[in-house]
């Protein structure tokens, strides 16, 4: 799934096979997120996780931190999809 730039943020919706898989992905990502200390705005509705990345302390713009986190989230999604055939 491609990410999109919208209102000075990177946005993307990740789709999973079910709610437990979506939630598991969020928990797994939380470890990576804490390591780089750059937190997303995200919401979960059943099998979808909507992600918005922007750097608030840089006047709500897209920065290298957002690009890095976007790649890390994609990598975690890819790892999970290898196990679940998403």
C-alpha atoms as a PDB file:
ATOM      1  CA  UNK A   1       0.000   0.000   0.000  1.00  0.00           C
ATOM      2  CA  UNK A   2       1.410   3.356  -0.951  1.00  0.00           C
ATOM      3  CA  UNK A   3       1.694   6.169   1.527  1.00  0.00           C
ATOM      4  CA  UNK A   4       0.305   9.551   0.626  1.00  0.00           C
ATOM      5  CA  UNK A   5       1.235  13.087   1.604  1.00  0.00           C
ATOM      6  CA  UNK A   6      -1.758  15.003   2.931  1.00  0.00           C
ATOM      7  CA  UNK A   7      -1.904  18.192   5.020  1.00  0.00           C
ATOM      8  CA  UNK A   8       1.836  18.152   5.863  1.00  0.00           C
ATOM      9  CA  UNK A   9       1.735  14.512   6.951  1.00  0.00           C
ATOM     10  CA  UNK A  10       2.392  11.050   5.595  1.00  0.00           C
ATOM     11  CA  UNK A  11      -0.771   8.975   5.764  1.00  0.00           C
ATOM     12  CA  UNK A  12      -1.355   5.313   5.097  1.00  0.00           C
ATOM     13  CA  UNK A  13      -3.880   2.625   5.909  1.00  0.00           C
ATOM     14  CA  UNK A  14      -2.595  -0.863   6.652  1.00  0.00           C
ATOM     15  CA  UNK A  15      -5.082  -3.707   6.125  1.00  0.00           C
ATOM     16  CA  UNK A  16      -4.869  -7.028   7.970  1.00  0.00           C
ATOM     17  CA  UNK A  17      -6.781 -10.275   7.888  1.00  0.00           C
ATOM     18  CA  UNK A  18      -8.519  -9.605  11.219  1.00  0.00           C
ATOM     19  CA  UNK A  19      -8.509  -7.546  14.407  1.00  0.00           C
ATOM     20  CA  UNK A  20      -6.003  -9.673  16.390  1.00  0.00           C
ATOM     21  CA  UNK A  21      -3.480  -9.443  13.552  1.00  0.00           C
ATOM     22  CA  UNK A  22      -3.891  -5.656  13.293  1.00  0.00           C
ATOM     23  CA  UNK A  23      -3.452  -5.285  17.031  1.00  0.00           C
ATOM     24  CA  UNK A  24      -0.433  -7.611  17.069  1.00  0.00           C
ATOM     25  CA  UNK A  25       1.205  -5.469  14.381  1.00  0.00           C
ATOM     26  CA  UNK A  26       0.601  -2.322  16.437  1.00  0.00           C
ATOM     27  CA  UNK A  27       2.158  -3.916  19.523  1.00  0.00           C
ATOM     28  CA  UNK A  28       5.170  -5.159  17.547  1.00  0.00           C
ATOM     29  CA  UNK A  29       5.625  -1.701  16.005  1.00  0.00           C
ATOM     30  CA  UNK A  30       5.516  -0.079  19.431  1.00  0.00           C
ATOM     31  CA  UNK A  31       8.950  -1.511  20.245  1.00  0.00           C
ATOM     32  CA  UNK A  32      10.481   0.004  17.108  1.00  0.00           C
ATOM     33  CA  UNK A  33       8.652   3.274  17.711  1.00  0.00           C
ATOM     34  CA  UNK A  34      10.035   3.540  21.247  1.00  0.00           C
ATOM     35  CA  UNK A  35      13.572   2.873  20.015  1.00  0.00           C
ATOM     36  CA  UNK A  36      13.497   5.836  17.652  1.00  0.00           C
ATOM     37  CA  UNK A  37      11.295   7.940  19.959  1.00  0.00           C
ATOM     38  CA  UNK A  38       9.029   9.227  17.215  1.00  0.00           C
ATOM     39  CA  UNK A  39       5.380   8.361  17.754  1.00  0.00           C
ATOM     40  CA  UNK A  40       2.631   8.131  15.136  1.00  0.00           C
ATOM     41  CA  UNK A  41      -0.937   9.237  15.286  1.00  0.00           C
ATOM     42  CA  UNK A  42      -2.791   6.022  14.577  1.00  0.00           C
ATOM     43  CA  UNK A  43      -6.201   4.489  14.964  1.00  0.00           C
ATOM     44  CA  UNK A  44      -7.480   0.963  14.623  1.00  0.00           C
ATOM     45  CA  UNK A  45     -10.888  -0.077  13.334  1.00  0.00           C
ATOM     46  CA  UNK A  46     -11.265  -3.847  13.145  1.00  0.00           C
ATOM     47  CA  UNK A  47      -8.683  -4.989  10.554  1.00  0.00           C
ATOM     48  CA  UNK A  48      -7.403  -1.550   9.507  1.00  0.00           C
ATOM     49  CA  UNK A  49      -4.797   0.704  11.080  1.00  0.00           C
ATOM     50  CA  UNK A  50      -4.775   4.310   9.869  1.00  0.00           C
ATOM     51  CA  UNK A  51      -1.404   6.008  10.371  1.00  0.00           C
ATOM     52  CA  UNK A  52      -0.515   9.694  10.218  1.00  0.00           C
ATOM     53  CA  UNK A  53       3.110  10.803  10.534  1.00  0.00           C
ATOM     54  CA  UNK A  54       4.178  14.387  11.067  1.00  0.00           C
ATOM     55  CA  UNK A  55       6.769  16.044  13.280  1.00  0.00           C
ATOM     56  CA  UNK A  56       4.978  18.284  15.750  1.00  0.00           C
ATOM     57  CA  UNK A  57       8.114  19.899  17.154  1.00  0.00           C
ATOM     58  CA  UNK A  58       9.092  20.912  13.597  1.00  0.00           C
ATOM     59  CA  UNK A  59       5.882  22.894  13.004  1.00  0.00           C
ATOM     60  CA  UNK A  60       3.846  19.902  11.845  1.00  0.00           C
ATOM     61  CA  UNK A  61       5.869  19.125   8.759  1.00  0.00           C
ATOM     62  CA  UNK A  62       7.177  15.924   7.235  1.00  0.00           C
ATOM     63  CA  UNK A  63      10.757  15.342   8.326  1.00  0.00           C
ATOM     64  CA  UNK A  64      13.356  12.615   7.972  1.00  0.00           C
ATOM     65  CA  UNK A  65      11.987  11.142  11.229  1.00  0.00           C
ATOM     66  CA  UNK A  66       8.626  10.590   9.536  1.00  0.00           C
ATOM     67  CA  UNK A  67      10.251   9.038   6.481  1.00  0.00           C
ATOM     68  CA  UNK A  68      12.287   6.702   8.702  1.00  0.00           C
ATOM     69  CA  UNK A  69       9.276   5.654  10.758  1.00  0.00           C
ATOM     70  CA  UNK A  70       7.242   5.099   7.602  1.00  0.00           C
ATOM     71  CA  UNK A  71       9.883   2.675   6.315  1.00  0.00           C
ATOM     72  CA  UNK A  72      10.058   0.890   9.661  1.00  0.00           C
ATOM     73  CA  UNK A  73       6.271   0.438   9.754  1.00  0.00           C
ATOM     74  CA  UNK A  74       6.346  -0.906   6.201  1.00  0.00           C
ATOM     75  CA  UNK A  75       9.099  -3.347   7.189  1.00  0.00           C
ATOM     76  CA  UNK A  76       7.092  -4.614  10.160  1.00  0.00           C
ATOM     77  CA  UNK A  77       4.048  -5.015   7.914  1.00  0.00           C
ATOM     78  CA  UNK A  78       6.134  -6.980   5.408  1.00  0.00           C
ATOM     79  CA  UNK A  79       7.447  -9.274   8.149  1.00  0.00           C
ATOM     80  CA  UNK A  80       3.926  -9.944   9.365  1.00  0.00           C
ATOM     81  CA  UNK A  81       2.591 -10.530   5.863  1.00  0.00           C
ATOM     82  CA  UNK A  82       5.253 -13.196   5.312  1.00  0.00           C
ATOM     83  CA  UNK A  83       3.718 -15.097   8.234  1.00  0.00           C
ATOM     84  CA  UNK A  84       0.044 -14.397   7.485  1.00  0.00           C
ATOM     85  CA  UNK A  85      -0.320 -14.065   3.691  1.00  0.00           C
ATOM     86  CA  UNK A  86      -1.906 -10.609   3.958  1.00  0.00           C
END
